[in-house]
Each structure stands twice: as structure tokens, then as C-alpha cells.
N, C-alpha and C. Protein backbone atom coordinates (compact mmCIF):
# COMPACT_ATOMS: atom_id res chain seq x y z
N UNK A 1 108.49 72.53 96.41
CA UNK A 1 109.35 73.28 95.51
C UNK A 1 109.98 74.43 96.28
N UNK A 2 111.29 74.57 96.14
CA UNK A 2 112.00 75.65 96.82
C UNK A 2 112.20 76.82 95.86
N UNK A 3 112.67 77.92 96.40
CA UNK A 3 112.94 79.10 95.58
C UNK A 3 113.94 78.77 94.48
N UNK A 4 114.94 77.95 94.80
CA UNK A 4 115.96 77.60 93.81
C UNK A 4 115.39 76.77 92.67
N UNK A 5 114.26 76.10 92.88
CA UNK A 5 113.64 75.28 91.84
C UNK A 5 112.77 76.09 90.89
N UNK A 6 112.34 77.28 91.32
CA UNK A 6 111.43 78.08 90.51
C UNK A 6 112.17 78.82 89.40
N UNK A 7 111.56 78.86 88.23
CA UNK A 7 112.14 79.58 87.10
C UNK A 7 111.67 81.02 87.04
N UNK A 8 110.48 81.29 87.61
CA UNK A 8 109.91 82.64 87.56
C UNK A 8 109.07 82.89 88.81
N UNK A 9 108.92 84.18 89.13
CA UNK A 9 108.19 84.59 90.31
C UNK A 9 107.17 85.65 89.93
N UNK A 10 106.03 85.66 90.60
CA UNK A 10 105.11 86.79 90.40
C UNK A 10 105.54 87.92 91.35
N UNK A 11 104.90 89.05 91.22
CA UNK A 11 105.31 90.24 91.98
C UNK A 11 105.27 89.99 93.48
N UNK A 12 104.23 89.34 93.96
CA UNK A 12 104.13 89.07 95.41
C UNK A 12 105.28 88.20 95.89
N UNK A 13 105.67 87.20 95.09
CA UNK A 13 106.78 86.35 95.49
C UNK A 13 108.09 87.12 95.52
N UNK A 14 108.30 88.00 94.54
CA UNK A 14 109.52 88.81 94.52
C UNK A 14 109.56 89.70 95.76
N UNK A 15 108.42 90.28 96.12
CA UNK A 15 108.36 91.13 97.32
C UNK A 15 108.67 90.32 98.58
N UNK A 16 108.28 89.04 98.60
CA UNK A 16 108.49 88.21 99.78
C UNK A 16 109.95 87.78 99.95
N UNK A 17 110.70 87.70 98.84
CA UNK A 17 112.06 87.20 98.94
C UNK A 17 113.13 88.28 98.76
N UNK A 18 112.70 89.52 98.53
CA UNK A 18 113.64 90.64 98.38
C UNK A 18 113.16 91.81 99.24
N UNK A 19 113.99 92.83 99.41
CA UNK A 19 113.55 94.01 100.16
C UNK A 19 112.76 95.01 99.32
N UNK A 20 112.48 94.69 98.05
CA UNK A 20 111.85 95.64 97.15
C UNK A 20 110.33 95.69 97.32
N UNK A 21 109.80 96.89 97.33
CA UNK A 21 108.35 97.11 97.41
C UNK A 21 107.73 97.03 96.01
N UNK A 22 106.43 96.83 95.97
CA UNK A 22 105.70 96.72 94.70
C UNK A 22 105.97 97.92 93.79
N UNK A 23 105.88 99.12 94.33
CA UNK A 23 106.05 100.32 93.50
C UNK A 23 107.46 100.39 92.92
N UNK A 24 108.47 99.99 93.69
CA UNK A 24 109.85 100.01 93.20
C UNK A 24 110.03 99.00 92.07
N UNK A 25 109.39 97.84 92.18
CA UNK A 25 109.49 96.83 91.13
C UNK A 25 108.84 97.32 89.84
N UNK A 26 107.63 97.87 89.95
CA UNK A 26 106.95 98.36 88.75
C UNK A 26 107.68 99.55 88.13
N UNK A 27 108.28 100.39 88.96
CA UNK A 27 109.06 101.51 88.44
C UNK A 27 110.28 101.00 87.68
N UNK A 28 110.97 100.02 88.25
CA UNK A 28 112.14 99.44 87.58
C UNK A 28 111.75 98.78 86.26
N UNK A 29 110.60 98.13 86.22
CA UNK A 29 110.12 97.53 84.98
C UNK A 29 109.81 98.62 83.95
N UNK A 30 109.16 99.70 84.38
CA UNK A 30 108.81 100.79 83.47
C UNK A 30 110.05 101.46 82.90
N UNK A 31 111.11 101.53 83.69
CA UNK A 31 112.36 102.16 83.26
C UNK A 31 113.25 101.20 82.48
N UNK A 32 112.85 99.94 82.36
CA UNK A 32 113.63 98.97 81.62
C UNK A 32 114.79 98.37 82.41
N UNK A 33 114.83 98.62 83.70
CA UNK A 33 115.92 98.08 84.53
C UNK A 33 115.62 96.67 85.04
N UNK A 34 114.35 96.27 85.02
CA UNK A 34 113.93 94.94 85.45
C UNK A 34 113.08 94.34 84.36
N UNK A 35 113.56 93.25 83.79
CA UNK A 35 112.85 92.58 82.70
C UNK A 35 111.74 91.70 83.28
N UNK A 36 110.56 91.78 82.68
CA UNK A 36 109.42 90.99 83.14
C UNK A 36 108.65 90.47 81.94
N UNK A 37 107.90 89.40 82.17
CA UNK A 37 107.05 88.82 81.15
C UNK A 37 105.60 88.85 81.62
N UNK A 38 104.68 88.85 80.66
CA UNK A 38 103.26 88.80 80.98
C UNK A 38 102.68 87.49 80.47
N UNK A 39 101.79 86.92 81.23
CA UNK A 39 101.00 85.78 80.80
C UNK A 39 99.58 86.11 81.20
N UNK A 40 98.79 86.53 80.22
CA UNK A 40 97.47 87.05 80.54
C UNK A 40 97.63 88.33 81.33
N UNK A 41 97.01 88.38 82.49
CA UNK A 41 97.11 89.58 83.34
C UNK A 41 98.25 89.49 84.35
N UNK A 42 98.87 88.32 84.44
CA UNK A 42 99.92 88.13 85.45
C UNK A 42 101.28 88.56 84.93
N UNK A 43 102.04 89.17 85.80
CA UNK A 43 103.40 89.61 85.49
C UNK A 43 104.37 88.67 86.20
N UNK A 44 105.34 88.16 85.45
CA UNK A 44 106.34 87.27 85.99
C UNK A 44 107.72 87.85 85.78
N UNK A 45 108.60 87.56 86.73
CA UNK A 45 110.01 87.95 86.63
C UNK A 45 110.81 86.66 86.75
N UNK A 46 111.66 86.41 85.77
CA UNK A 46 112.45 85.18 85.82
C UNK A 46 113.54 85.30 86.89
N UNK A 47 113.98 84.17 87.33
CA UNK A 47 115.04 84.14 88.35
C UNK A 47 116.29 84.85 87.83
N UNK A 48 116.64 84.61 86.55
CA UNK A 48 117.83 85.26 85.98
C UNK A 48 117.67 86.77 85.90
N UNK A 49 116.48 87.24 85.50
CA UNK A 49 116.24 88.69 85.42
C UNK A 49 116.32 89.32 86.81
N UNK A 50 115.81 88.63 87.82
CA UNK A 50 115.86 89.14 89.18
C UNK A 50 117.31 89.21 89.67
N UNK A 51 118.09 88.19 89.37
CA UNK A 51 119.51 88.20 89.77
C UNK A 51 120.26 89.35 89.10
N UNK A 52 119.98 89.59 87.80
CA UNK A 52 120.64 90.70 87.09
C UNK A 52 120.25 92.04 87.70
N UNK A 53 118.97 92.19 88.04
CA UNK A 53 118.48 93.44 88.64
C UNK A 53 119.17 93.70 89.98
N UNK A 54 119.24 92.68 90.81
CA UNK A 54 119.87 92.84 92.12
C UNK A 54 121.36 93.16 91.96
N UNK A 55 122.03 92.46 91.05
CA UNK A 55 123.46 92.69 90.84
C UNK A 55 123.74 94.10 90.31
N UNK A 56 122.78 94.70 89.62
CA UNK A 56 122.98 96.03 89.04
C UNK A 56 122.76 97.15 90.05
N UNK A 57 122.29 96.84 91.24
CA UNK A 57 122.07 97.87 92.25
C UNK A 57 123.42 98.37 92.76
N UNK A 58 123.51 99.64 93.12
CA UNK A 58 124.79 100.18 93.58
C UNK A 58 125.25 99.50 94.88
N UNK A 59 126.55 99.35 94.99
CA UNK A 59 127.14 98.75 96.19
C UNK A 59 127.04 99.73 97.35
N UNK A 60 126.92 99.19 98.53
CA UNK A 60 126.90 100.02 99.74
C UNK A 60 128.30 100.56 99.98
N UNK A 61 128.37 101.86 100.22
CA UNK A 61 129.65 102.50 100.55
C UNK A 61 129.43 103.33 101.81
N UNK A 62 130.00 102.88 102.92
CA UNK A 62 129.81 103.64 104.17
C UNK A 62 130.49 105.00 104.08
N UNK A 63 129.88 105.95 104.77
CA UNK A 63 130.48 107.30 104.81
C UNK A 63 131.74 107.26 105.64
N UNK A 64 132.71 108.06 105.22
CA UNK A 64 133.92 108.19 106.01
C UNK A 64 133.64 109.19 107.12
N UNK A 65 134.31 109.03 108.22
CA UNK A 65 134.08 109.91 109.37
C UNK A 65 134.33 111.37 109.02
N UNK A 66 135.33 111.66 108.23
CA UNK A 66 135.63 113.06 107.90
C UNK A 66 134.54 113.66 107.03
N UNK A 67 133.86 112.86 106.21
CA UNK A 67 132.78 113.36 105.37
C UNK A 67 131.50 113.56 106.16
N UNK A 68 131.29 112.78 107.20
CA UNK A 68 130.07 112.84 107.97
C UNK A 68 130.03 114.07 108.88
N UNK A 69 131.16 114.61 109.22
CA UNK A 69 131.23 115.73 110.15
C UNK A 69 130.95 117.05 109.50
């Protein structure tokens, strides 16, 4: 099974396929920015919720040379 075949990921899997650390994921969940589901003690994040979370992150904007000086 590939990543594209999975419907949901646990926290460790999300950490393995994204640059996000555990604390950042749990903080985003607590703030309501990342939707997650629970099954017993396990926390799952659906592929669609993860895509929405990543898309909602601010775009990279390089500093202009005049601003950096």
C-alpha cells in the first residue's frame, strides 16, 4: 500500500511524510486548524484534512534586498 492508497494516517506517519513535528501537529489540532479523528486511544488524520492543513499554510515570500539591509 502506498501513501496515495491510504485514507488516514496516524501521527507518526504524518511526521514521516511532512516536515511537521509532533508538537506542531498537536498544537494545530488543539487550535482547530488540523482536523483529526480518534479511534480508541489512536489519533488519525485523514488525507483530505492533511491536504487542507498544508494548503492553509502561508506561502513562502522571499525578502527583498532593500528590506534585508
